[in-house]
């Protein structure tokens, strides 16, 4: 007995390997000279701004220190630096703001 074609599962195509979002985000960071924190796979953390990038590496420009060319396969994360003390996500800032409240609904 054969299975009717209407009840067969359709195979999904695999997701695209490159959506172009990485290049768009790096272009934004580069054009706006957004300060970033780059965390490498070995745990080292570097700060600066991305001056140049291509499909294999980024150039991290740093003030008062040598500029670095970093291979993308060595990078664990790139995050925007929002203050001198490091980056904090919007969610972390909101959670911190919520803890500033005093009991009885009064603010500090």
C-alpha atoms as a PDB file:
ATOM      1  CA  UNK A   1       0.000   0.000   0.000  1.00  0.00           C
ATOM      2  CA  UNK A   2       1.348   3.432  -0.922  1.00  0.00           C
ATOM      3  CA  UNK A   3       0.991   6.610   1.063  1.00  0.00           C
ATOM      4  CA  UNK A   4      -0.986   9.353  -0.681  1.00  0.00           C
ATOM      5  CA  UNK A   5       1.144  12.302  -1.765  1.00  0.00           C
ATOM      6  CA  UNK A   6      -0.953  14.768   0.237  1.00  0.00           C
ATOM      7  CA  UNK A   7      -0.066  13.085   3.545  1.00  0.00           C
ATOM      8  CA  UNK A   8       3.678  12.900   2.903  1.00  0.00           C
ATOM      9  CA  UNK A   9       5.854  15.261   4.871  1.00  0.00           C
ATOM     10  CA  UNK A  10       7.520  17.938   2.885  1.00  0.00           C
ATOM     11  CA  UNK A  11      11.206  18.233   3.516  1.00  0.00           C
ATOM     12  CA  UNK A  12      12.303  21.615   4.774  1.00  0.00           C
ATOM     13  CA  UNK A  13      15.227  23.318   3.145  1.00  0.00           C
ATOM     14  CA  UNK A  14      18.214  23.870   5.427  1.00  0.00           C
ATOM     15  CA  UNK A  15      18.655  27.417   6.725  1.00  0.00           C
ATOM     16  CA  UNK A  16      20.883  29.647   4.634  1.00  0.00           C
ATOM     17  CA  UNK A  17      24.521  29.652   5.669  1.00  0.00           C
ATOM     18  CA  UNK A  18      24.827  33.416   5.382  1.00  0.00           C
ATOM     19  CA  UNK A  19      21.942  35.822   5.961  1.00  0.00           C
ATOM     20  CA  UNK A  20      24.053  38.956   5.591  1.00  0.00           C
ATOM     21  CA  UNK A  21      23.085  40.193   9.067  1.00  0.00           C
ATOM     22  CA  UNK A  22      26.644  39.896  10.408  1.00  0.00           C
ATOM     23  CA  UNK A  23      28.014  42.170   7.692  1.00  0.00           C
ATOM     24  CA  UNK A  24      25.211  44.703   8.216  1.00  0.00           C
ATOM     25  CA  UNK A  25      25.831  44.826  11.961  1.00  0.00           C
ATOM     26  CA  UNK A  26      29.613  45.148  11.589  1.00  0.00           C
ATOM     27  CA  UNK A  27      29.091  47.889   8.978  1.00  0.00           C
ATOM     28  CA  UNK A  28      26.868  49.780  11.442  1.00  0.00           C
ATOM     29  CA  UNK A  29      29.451  49.425  14.237  1.00  0.00           C
ATOM     30  CA  UNK A  30      32.243  50.537  11.906  1.00  0.00           C
ATOM     31  CA  UNK A  31      30.455  53.559  10.412  1.00  0.00           C
ATOM     32  CA  UNK A  32      29.273  54.865  13.798  1.00  0.00           C
ATOM     33  CA  UNK A  33      32.597  54.002  15.484  1.00  0.00           C
ATOM     34  CA  UNK A  34      30.654  52.339  18.302  1.00  0.00           C
ATOM     35  CA  UNK A  35      32.925  51.293  21.199  1.00  0.00           C
ATOM     36  CA  UNK A  36      32.861  47.497  21.473  1.00  0.00           C
ATOM     37  CA  UNK A  37      34.145  44.760  23.760  1.00  0.00           C
ATOM     38  CA  UNK A  38      35.556  41.757  21.901  1.00  0.00           C
ATOM     39  CA  UNK A  39      35.819  38.554  23.931  1.00  0.00           C
ATOM     40  CA  UNK A  40      38.142  35.972  22.424  1.00  0.00           C
ATOM     41  CA  UNK A  41      37.827  32.186  22.671  1.00  0.00           C
ATOM     42  CA  UNK A  42      40.805  32.049  25.062  1.00  0.00           C
ATOM     43  CA  UNK A  43      38.982  34.385  27.499  1.00  0.00           C
ATOM     44  CA  UNK A  44      40.928  37.568  26.706  1.00  0.00           C
ATOM     45  CA  UNK A  45      38.811  40.740  26.477  1.00  0.00           C
ATOM     46  CA  UNK A  46      39.711  43.652  24.189  1.00  0.00           C
ATOM     47  CA  UNK A  47      38.064  47.057  23.777  1.00  0.00           C
ATOM     48  CA  UNK A  48      38.076  49.514  20.893  1.00  0.00           C
ATOM     49  CA  UNK A  49      36.049  50.144  17.751  1.00  0.00           C
ATOM     50  CA  UNK A  50      35.868  48.203  14.512  1.00  0.00           C
ATOM     51  CA  UNK A  51      37.571  50.186  11.768  1.00  0.00           C
ATOM     52  CA  UNK A  52      37.558  47.495   9.082  1.00  0.00           C
ATOM     53  CA  UNK A  53      36.206  43.990   8.552  1.00  0.00           C
ATOM     54  CA  UNK A  54      35.938  41.344   5.875  1.00  0.00           C
ATOM     55  CA  UNK A  55      34.731  37.756   5.723  1.00  0.00           C
ATOM     56  CA  UNK A  56      37.668  36.429   7.817  1.00  0.00           C
ATOM     57  CA  UNK A  57      38.810  39.183  10.202  1.00  0.00           C
ATOM     58  CA  UNK A  58      38.165  42.522  11.895  1.00  0.00           C
ATOM     59  CA  UNK A  59      40.498  45.410  12.621  1.00  0.00           C
ATOM     60  CA  UNK A  60      40.042  46.669  16.175  1.00  0.00           C
ATOM     61  CA  UNK A  61      41.261  50.247  16.643  1.00  0.00           C
ATOM     62  CA  UNK A  62      42.256  51.125  20.216  1.00  0.00           C
ATOM     63  CA  UNK A  63      43.253  54.431  21.795  1.00  0.00           C
ATOM     64  CA  UNK A  64      46.797  54.541  23.116  1.00  0.00           C
ATOM     65  CA  UNK A  65      47.407  50.876  22.198  1.00  0.00           C
ATOM     66  CA  UNK A  66      48.333  49.055  18.999  1.00  0.00           C
ATOM     67  CA  UNK A  67      45.520  48.337  16.554  1.00  0.00           C
ATOM     68  CA  UNK A  68      44.750  44.640  16.125  1.00  0.00           C
ATOM     69  CA  UNK A  69      43.710  42.402  13.265  1.00  0.00           C
ATOM     70  CA  UNK A  70      41.650  39.583  14.782  1.00  0.00           C
ATOM     71  CA  UNK A  71      40.503  36.481  12.898  1.00  0.00           C
ATOM     72  CA  UNK A  72      36.757  35.932  13.284  1.00  0.00           C
ATOM     73  CA  UNK A  73      37.253  32.271  14.220  1.00  0.00           C
ATOM     74  CA  UNK A  74      39.102  33.495  17.354  1.00  0.00           C
ATOM     75  CA  UNK A  75      36.152  35.683  18.477  1.00  0.00           C
ATOM     76  CA  UNK A  76      33.588  34.417  20.968  1.00  0.00           C
ATOM     77  CA  UNK A  77      31.449  37.588  21.251  1.00  0.00           C
ATOM     78  CA  UNK A  78      31.327  41.237  20.192  1.00  0.00           C
ATOM     79  CA  UNK A  79      29.199  43.499  22.398  1.00  0.00           C
ATOM     80  CA  UNK A  80      28.593  47.224  22.344  1.00  0.00           C
ATOM     81  CA  UNK A  81      30.264  49.035  25.223  1.00  0.00           C
ATOM     82  CA  UNK A  82      27.707  51.353  26.828  1.00  0.00           C
ATOM     83  CA  UNK A  83      29.832  52.813  29.619  1.00  0.00           C
ATOM     84  CA  UNK A  84      33.397  52.973  30.891  1.00  0.00           C
ATOM     85  CA  UNK A  85      32.683  50.080  33.239  1.00  0.00           C
ATOM     86  CA  UNK A  86      31.664  47.644  30.505  1.00  0.00           C
ATOM     87  CA  UNK A  87      28.502  46.791  28.662  1.00  0.00           C
ATOM     88  CA  UNK A  88      25.111  46.208  30.225  1.00  0.00           C
ATOM     89  CA  UNK A  89      22.128  44.948  28.355  1.00  0.00           C
ATOM     90  CA  UNK A  90      18.811  46.782  28.376  1.00  0.00           C
ATOM     91  CA  UNK A  91      17.329  43.949  30.453  1.00  0.00           C
ATOM     92  CA  UNK A  92      20.145  44.197  33.035  1.00  0.00           C
ATOM     93  CA  UNK A  93      19.650  47.976  33.316  1.00  0.00           C
ATOM     94  CA  UNK A  94      15.896  47.533  33.855  1.00  0.00           C
ATOM     95  CA  UNK A  95      16.485  44.880  36.515  1.00  0.00           C
ATOM     96  CA  UNK A  96      18.956  47.181  38.270  1.00  0.00           C
ATOM     97  CA  UNK A  97      16.481  50.060  38.121  1.00  0.00           C
ATOM     98  CA  UNK A  98      13.744  47.850  39.608  1.00  0.00           C
ATOM     99  CA  UNK A  99      15.931  47.055  42.636  1.00  0.00           C
ATOM    100  CA  UNK A 100      16.256  50.777  43.450  1.00  0.00           C
ATOM    101  CA  UNK A 101      12.669  50.877  44.664  1.00  0.00           C
ATOM    102  CA  UNK A 102      12.072  51.129  48.412  1.00  0.00           C
ATOM    103  CA  UNK A 103       9.229  49.183  50.131  1.00  0.00           C
ATOM    104  CA  UNK A 104       5.823  50.903  50.297  1.00  0.00           C
ATOM    105  CA  UNK A 105       6.241  52.117  46.682  1.00  0.00           C
ATOM    106  CA  UNK A 106       8.490  55.054  47.615  1.00  0.00           C
ATOM    107  CA  UNK A 107      11.507  55.784  45.496  1.00  0.00           C
ATOM    108  CA  UNK A 108      14.903  56.587  46.915  1.00  0.00           C
END
